[in-house]
């Protein structure tokens, strides 16, 4: 019986150490992605910051895809499945409370983009 308790205790101690994937949403339009790490002016992660974009695709950019994901407790979030060659520029708007920032996605320069965003 003592061996089973030790096993359960070891599992319980190790479980918080396992890294969880950040929240993500897919545009299903390609193989590019954008990873965000959002911090406040003091460098602390911002929980529940909103990462939003509007992607236009199709003939005459008539289709609109409105994507939004919120950051986790580590200030991280991802948008995957972004197009390699967008019809129009893609801009991500990052906001929390009254603070906001934006970044431009340029897949021709970096298909798997990583953004460090400080909300001040």
N, C-alpha and C. Protein backbone atom coordinates (compact mmCIF):
# COMPACT_ATOMS: atom_id res chain seq x y z
N UNK A 1 0.82 -1.19 0.00
CA UNK A 1 0.00 0.00 0.00
C UNK A 1 0.87 1.25 0.00
N UNK A 2 2.03 1.23 0.66
CA UNK A 2 2.91 2.38 0.72
C UNK A 2 3.45 2.74 -0.66
N UNK A 3 3.66 1.75 -1.53
CA UNK A 3 4.16 2.00 -2.88
C UNK A 3 3.15 2.78 -3.72
N UNK A 4 1.88 2.49 -3.54
CA UNK A 4 0.83 3.17 -4.31
C UNK A 4 0.74 4.64 -3.89
N UNK A 5 0.86 4.92 -2.60
CA UNK A 5 0.83 6.30 -2.13
C UNK A 5 2.00 7.10 -2.67
N UNK A 6 3.16 6.48 -2.72
CA UNK A 6 4.35 7.14 -3.26
C UNK A 6 4.15 7.47 -4.72
N UNK A 7 3.59 6.55 -5.48
CA UNK A 7 3.34 6.76 -6.91
C UNK A 7 2.36 7.92 -7.12
N UNK A 8 1.29 7.95 -6.35
CA UNK A 8 0.30 9.02 -6.46
C UNK A 8 0.93 10.36 -6.08
N UNK A 9 1.71 10.39 -5.03
CA UNK A 9 2.36 11.61 -4.59
C UNK A 9 3.33 12.12 -5.66
N UNK A 10 4.11 11.22 -6.25
CA UNK A 10 5.05 11.63 -7.30
C UNK A 10 4.30 12.19 -8.51
N UNK A 11 3.19 11.58 -8.89
CA UNK A 11 2.40 12.08 -10.01
C UNK A 11 1.83 13.45 -9.70
N UNK A 12 1.33 13.62 -8.48
CA UNK A 12 0.75 14.90 -8.07
C UNK A 12 1.80 16.00 -8.07
N UNK A 13 3.01 15.69 -7.67
CA UNK A 13 4.08 16.68 -7.67
C UNK A 13 4.55 17.00 -9.09
N UNK A 14 4.55 16.04 -9.97
CA UNK A 14 5.05 16.24 -11.34
C UNK A 14 4.02 16.91 -12.24
N UNK A 15 2.74 16.76 -11.97
CA UNK A 15 1.69 17.28 -12.85
C UNK A 15 1.80 18.78 -13.09
N UNK A 16 2.02 19.65 -12.08
CA UNK A 16 2.12 21.08 -12.35
C UNK A 16 3.34 21.44 -13.20
N UNK A 17 4.34 20.57 -13.23
CA UNK A 17 5.55 20.86 -13.99
C UNK A 17 5.37 20.62 -15.49
N UNK A 18 4.33 19.90 -15.87
CA UNK A 18 4.10 19.64 -17.28
C UNK A 18 3.59 20.93 -17.94
N UNK A 19 4.26 21.33 -19.01
CA UNK A 19 3.88 22.58 -19.68
C UNK A 19 2.65 22.35 -20.54
N UNK A 20 1.65 23.16 -20.35
CA UNK A 20 0.43 23.09 -21.16
C UNK A 20 0.61 23.98 -22.38
N UNK A 21 0.01 23.58 -23.48
CA UNK A 21 0.05 24.41 -24.68
C UNK A 21 -0.75 25.67 -24.44
N UNK A 22 -0.28 26.79 -25.01
CA UNK A 22 -1.06 28.02 -24.86
C UNK A 22 -2.35 27.93 -25.67
N UNK A 23 -3.34 28.74 -25.35
CA UNK A 23 -4.58 28.74 -26.14
C UNK A 23 -4.27 29.06 -27.60
N UNK A 24 -4.96 28.39 -28.50
CA UNK A 24 -4.73 28.66 -29.91
C UNK A 24 -6.02 28.54 -30.70
N UNK A 25 -6.02 29.22 -31.84
CA UNK A 25 -7.13 29.18 -32.77
C UNK A 25 -6.54 29.05 -34.16
N UNK A 26 -7.24 28.37 -35.05
CA UNK A 26 -6.73 28.15 -36.40
C UNK A 26 -7.56 28.89 -37.44
N UNK A 27 -6.86 29.51 -38.39
CA UNK A 27 -7.52 30.17 -39.51
C UNK A 27 -7.79 29.16 -40.63
N UNK A 28 -7.09 28.02 -40.62
CA UNK A 28 -7.23 26.97 -41.64
C UNK A 28 -7.01 27.52 -43.05
N UNK A 29 -6.03 28.42 -43.21
CA UNK A 29 -5.76 29.03 -44.51
C UNK A 29 -4.33 28.79 -44.99
N UNK A 30 -3.50 28.08 -44.21
CA UNK A 30 -2.12 27.85 -44.62
C UNK A 30 -1.32 27.22 -43.50
N UNK A 31 0.00 27.29 -43.63
CA UNK A 31 0.88 26.63 -42.66
C UNK A 31 1.63 27.60 -41.75
N UNK A 32 1.37 28.88 -41.85
CA UNK A 32 2.07 29.86 -41.02
C UNK A 32 1.38 30.00 -39.66
N UNK A 33 2.09 30.63 -38.72
CA UNK A 33 1.52 30.80 -37.38
C UNK A 33 2.10 32.06 -36.74
N UNK A 34 1.43 32.50 -35.69
CA UNK A 34 1.89 33.65 -34.91
C UNK A 34 1.72 33.31 -33.43
N UNK A 35 2.83 33.36 -32.70
CA UNK A 35 2.82 33.10 -31.26
C UNK A 35 3.01 34.43 -30.54
N UNK A 36 2.23 34.64 -29.49
CA UNK A 36 2.26 35.89 -28.76
C UNK A 36 2.64 35.64 -27.31
N UNK A 37 3.46 36.55 -26.77
CA UNK A 37 3.76 36.59 -25.34
C UNK A 37 3.48 38.03 -24.92
N UNK A 38 2.43 38.23 -24.15
CA UNK A 38 1.96 39.56 -23.79
C UNK A 38 2.32 39.85 -22.33
N UNK A 39 2.99 40.99 -22.12
CA UNK A 39 3.38 41.39 -20.78
C UNK A 39 2.90 42.82 -20.50
N UNK A 40 2.90 43.18 -19.21
CA UNK A 40 2.54 44.55 -18.85
C UNK A 40 3.81 45.40 -18.82
N UNK A 41 3.69 46.65 -18.41
CA UNK A 41 4.83 47.57 -18.38
C UNK A 41 5.96 47.07 -17.47
N UNK A 42 5.59 46.30 -16.45
CA UNK A 42 6.58 45.75 -15.52
C UNK A 42 7.19 44.43 -15.97
N UNK A 43 6.76 43.93 -17.13
CA UNK A 43 7.30 42.66 -17.65
C UNK A 43 6.57 41.42 -17.16
N UNK A 44 5.46 41.59 -16.45
CA UNK A 44 4.69 40.45 -15.95
C UNK A 44 3.69 39.99 -17.01
N UNK A 45 3.45 38.68 -17.13
CA UNK A 45 2.49 38.17 -18.11
C UNK A 45 1.09 38.74 -17.88
N UNK A 46 0.40 39.01 -18.98
CA UNK A 46 -0.97 39.53 -18.91
C UNK A 46 -1.94 38.39 -19.20
N UNK A 47 -2.74 38.03 -18.21
CA UNK A 47 -3.76 37.00 -18.36
C UNK A 47 -4.99 37.58 -19.05
N UNK A 48 -5.56 36.83 -19.98
CA UNK A 48 -6.81 37.17 -20.65
C UNK A 48 -6.70 38.41 -21.55
N UNK A 49 -5.50 38.67 -22.06
CA UNK A 49 -5.36 39.73 -23.07
C UNK A 49 -5.99 39.22 -24.36
N UNK A 50 -6.63 40.09 -25.08
CA UNK A 50 -7.35 39.73 -26.31
C UNK A 50 -6.41 39.91 -27.52
N UNK A 51 -6.26 38.85 -28.32
CA UNK A 51 -5.50 38.92 -29.57
C UNK A 51 -6.53 38.74 -30.68
N UNK A 52 -6.68 39.76 -31.53
CA UNK A 52 -7.74 39.77 -32.53
C UNK A 52 -7.18 40.13 -33.90
N UNK A 53 -7.74 39.53 -34.95
CA UNK A 53 -7.42 39.91 -36.32
C UNK A 53 -8.62 39.62 -37.22
N UNK A 54 -8.65 40.31 -38.34
CA UNK A 54 -9.65 40.08 -39.38
C UNK A 54 -8.89 39.75 -40.65
N UNK A 55 -9.10 38.55 -41.19
CA UNK A 55 -8.40 38.11 -42.40
C UNK A 55 -9.39 38.09 -43.55
N UNK A 56 -9.02 38.74 -44.62
CA UNK A 56 -9.85 38.73 -45.83
C UNK A 56 -9.22 37.77 -46.82
N UNK A 57 -10.07 36.94 -47.43
CA UNK A 57 -9.57 35.95 -48.40
C UNK A 57 -10.58 35.77 -49.51
N UNK A 58 -10.21 34.96 -50.49
CA UNK A 58 -11.11 34.68 -51.60
C UNK A 58 -11.04 35.75 -52.68
N UNK A 59 -11.84 35.57 -53.71
CA UNK A 59 -11.88 36.51 -54.82
C UNK A 59 -12.31 37.88 -54.31
N UNK A 60 -11.55 38.89 -54.67
CA UNK A 60 -11.81 40.27 -54.26
C UNK A 60 -11.83 40.44 -52.74
N UNK A 61 -11.19 39.51 -52.04
CA UNK A 61 -11.11 39.53 -50.57
C UNK A 61 -12.50 39.67 -49.95
N UNK A 62 -13.45 38.95 -50.54
CA UNK A 62 -14.85 39.06 -50.12
C UNK A 62 -15.15 38.29 -48.83
N UNK A 63 -14.42 37.20 -48.59
CA UNK A 63 -14.64 36.43 -47.36
C UNK A 63 -13.86 37.08 -46.22
N UNK A 64 -14.50 37.14 -45.07
CA UNK A 64 -13.87 37.71 -43.89
C UNK A 64 -13.83 36.66 -42.79
N UNK A 65 -12.67 36.51 -42.18
CA UNK A 65 -12.50 35.58 -41.08
C UNK A 65 -12.07 36.38 -39.86
N UNK A 66 -12.94 36.44 -38.87
CA UNK A 66 -12.71 37.19 -37.65
C UNK A 66 -12.18 36.22 -36.60
N UNK A 67 -10.92 36.38 -36.19
CA UNK A 67 -10.30 35.47 -35.23
C UNK A 67 -9.96 36.20 -33.93
N UNK A 68 -10.20 35.51 -32.82
CA UNK A 68 -9.86 36.09 -31.52
C UNK A 68 -9.48 34.96 -30.56
N UNK A 69 -8.41 35.19 -29.80
CA UNK A 69 -7.98 34.24 -28.78
C UNK A 69 -7.48 35.06 -27.59
N UNK A 70 -7.62 34.52 -26.39
CA UNK A 70 -7.16 35.20 -25.18
C UNK A 70 -5.95 34.49 -24.61
N UNK A 71 -5.07 35.26 -23.96
CA UNK A 71 -3.84 34.71 -23.41
C UNK A 71 -4.12 33.91 -22.13
N UNK A 72 -3.22 32.97 -21.86
CA UNK A 72 -3.30 32.18 -20.64
C UNK A 72 -2.61 32.92 -19.49
N UNK A 73 -2.43 32.26 -18.36
CA UNK A 73 -1.82 32.90 -17.19
C UNK A 73 -0.36 33.25 -17.41
N UNK A 74 0.28 32.66 -18.43
CA UNK A 74 1.67 32.99 -18.77
C UNK A 74 1.73 34.11 -19.81
N UNK A 75 0.56 34.64 -20.21
CA UNK A 75 0.52 35.71 -21.21
C UNK A 75 0.74 35.20 -22.63
N UNK A 76 0.48 33.91 -22.87
CA UNK A 76 0.75 33.32 -24.18
C UNK A 76 -0.53 32.92 -24.91
N UNK A 77 -0.48 33.05 -26.24
CA UNK A 77 -1.57 32.62 -27.12
C UNK A 77 -0.99 32.43 -28.52
N UNK A 78 -1.67 31.63 -29.35
CA UNK A 78 -1.20 31.38 -30.72
C UNK A 78 -2.35 31.41 -31.71
N UNK A 79 -2.04 31.86 -32.90
CA UNK A 79 -2.96 31.74 -34.03
C UNK A 79 -2.22 30.94 -35.09
N UNK A 80 -2.80 29.81 -35.47
CA UNK A 80 -2.16 28.91 -36.43
C UNK A 80 -2.97 28.87 -37.72
N UNK A 81 -2.42 28.20 -38.73
CA UNK A 81 -3.13 28.04 -39.99
C UNK A 81 -3.26 29.33 -40.78
N UNK A 82 -2.29 30.24 -40.60
CA UNK A 82 -2.32 31.51 -41.32
C UNK A 82 -1.80 31.33 -42.74
N UNK A 83 -2.27 32.15 -43.69
CA UNK A 83 -1.85 32.00 -45.09
C UNK A 83 -0.39 32.42 -45.31
N UNK A 84 0.28 31.71 -46.24
CA UNK A 84 1.65 32.05 -46.60
C UNK A 84 1.69 33.34 -47.42
N UNK A 85 0.64 33.57 -48.21
CA UNK A 85 0.54 34.76 -49.06
C UNK A 85 -0.86 35.35 -48.86
N UNK A 86 -1.02 36.25 -47.89
CA UNK A 86 -2.34 36.83 -47.65
C UNK A 86 -2.76 37.78 -48.78
N UNK A 87 -4.06 37.85 -49.03
CA UNK A 87 -4.60 38.77 -50.04
C UNK A 87 -4.39 40.22 -49.63
N UNK A 88 -4.53 40.49 -48.35
CA UNK A 88 -4.32 41.83 -47.80
C UNK A 88 -3.44 41.69 -46.56
N UNK A 89 -2.78 42.78 -46.16
CA UNK A 89 -1.96 42.71 -44.94
C UNK A 89 -2.78 42.25 -43.73
N UNK A 90 -2.12 41.50 -42.86
CA UNK A 90 -2.76 41.01 -41.64
C UNK A 90 -2.15 41.75 -40.46
N UNK A 91 -3.00 42.34 -39.65
CA UNK A 91 -2.56 43.04 -38.45
C UNK A 91 -3.25 42.41 -37.25
N UNK A 92 -2.48 42.18 -36.20
CA UNK A 92 -3.03 41.65 -34.95
C UNK A 92 -3.18 42.80 -33.96
N UNK A 93 -4.35 42.89 -33.37
CA UNK A 93 -4.63 43.89 -32.33
C UNK A 93 -4.60 43.15 -30.99
N UNK A 94 -3.75 43.61 -30.08
CA UNK A 94 -3.63 42.99 -28.77
C UNK A 94 -4.10 44.01 -27.74
N UNK A 95 -5.03 43.61 -26.86
CA UNK A 95 -5.56 44.57 -25.89
C UNK A 95 -5.91 43.90 -24.57
N UNK A 96 -5.85 44.72 -23.53
CA UNK A 96 -6.26 44.30 -22.19
C UNK A 96 -6.62 45.56 -21.42
N UNK A 97 -7.82 45.58 -20.88
CA UNK A 97 -8.34 46.77 -20.20
C UNK A 97 -8.26 47.95 -21.16
N UNK A 98 -7.60 49.03 -20.78
CA UNK A 98 -7.52 50.21 -21.66
C UNK A 98 -6.20 50.28 -22.42
N UNK A 99 -5.40 49.23 -22.33
CA UNK A 99 -4.10 49.22 -23.00
C UNK A 99 -4.20 48.39 -24.28
N UNK A 100 -3.52 48.87 -25.34
CA UNK A 100 -3.58 48.15 -26.62
C UNK A 100 -2.29 48.33 -27.40
N UNK A 101 -2.06 47.39 -28.30
CA UNK A 101 -0.91 47.43 -29.19
C UNK A 101 -1.28 46.67 -30.45
N UNK A 102 -0.51 46.84 -31.51
CA UNK A 102 -0.77 46.08 -32.73
C UNK A 102 0.56 45.68 -33.36
N UNK A 103 0.53 44.58 -34.08
CA UNK A 103 1.71 44.09 -34.80
C UNK A 103 1.27 43.62 -36.18
N UNK A 104 2.15 43.79 -37.15
CA UNK A 104 1.87 43.37 -38.52
C UNK A 104 2.47 42.00 -38.75
N UNK A 105 1.72 41.14 -39.41
CA UNK A 105 2.18 39.79 -39.76
C UNK A 105 2.71 39.81 -41.18
N UNK A 106 3.97 39.42 -41.35
CA UNK A 106 4.61 39.41 -42.65
C UNK A 106 5.16 38.01 -42.92
N UNK A 107 4.33 37.12 -43.48
CA UNK A 107 4.75 35.73 -43.67
C UNK A 107 5.92 35.56 -44.63
N UNK A 108 6.12 36.49 -45.55
CA UNK A 108 7.26 36.38 -46.46
C UNK A 108 8.58 36.59 -45.72
N UNK A 109 8.56 37.26 -44.57
CA UNK A 109 9.76 37.47 -43.76
C UNK A 109 9.89 36.42 -42.67
N UNK A 110 8.76 36.02 -42.09
CA UNK A 110 8.77 35.03 -41.01
C UNK A 110 7.42 34.33 -40.95
N UNK A 111 7.37 33.12 -41.49
CA UNK A 111 6.11 32.36 -41.54
C UNK A 111 5.68 31.91 -40.14
N UNK A 112 6.63 31.60 -39.30
CA UNK A 112 6.33 31.18 -37.93
C UNK A 112 6.78 32.30 -36.98
N UNK A 113 5.97 33.34 -36.94
CA UNK A 113 6.32 34.56 -36.21
C UNK A 113 6.13 34.41 -34.71
N UNK A 114 7.01 35.06 -33.97
CA UNK A 114 6.91 35.12 -32.51
C UNK A 114 6.95 36.59 -32.12
N UNK A 115 5.96 37.01 -31.34
CA UNK A 115 5.83 38.40 -30.95
C UNK A 115 5.91 38.54 -29.44
N UNK A 116 6.76 39.44 -28.97
CA UNK A 116 6.81 39.83 -27.58
C UNK A 116 6.11 41.19 -27.53
N UNK A 117 4.94 41.24 -26.91
CA UNK A 117 4.12 42.44 -26.90
C UNK A 117 4.02 42.97 -25.48
N UNK A 118 4.43 44.23 -25.30
CA UNK A 118 4.34 44.87 -23.99
C UNK A 118 3.20 45.88 -24.04
N UNK A 119 2.21 45.69 -23.18
CA UNK A 119 1.08 46.62 -23.11
C UNK A 119 1.38 47.65 -22.04
N UNK A 120 1.51 48.90 -22.47
CA UNK A 120 1.86 49.98 -21.53
C UNK A 120 0.76 50.99 -21.46
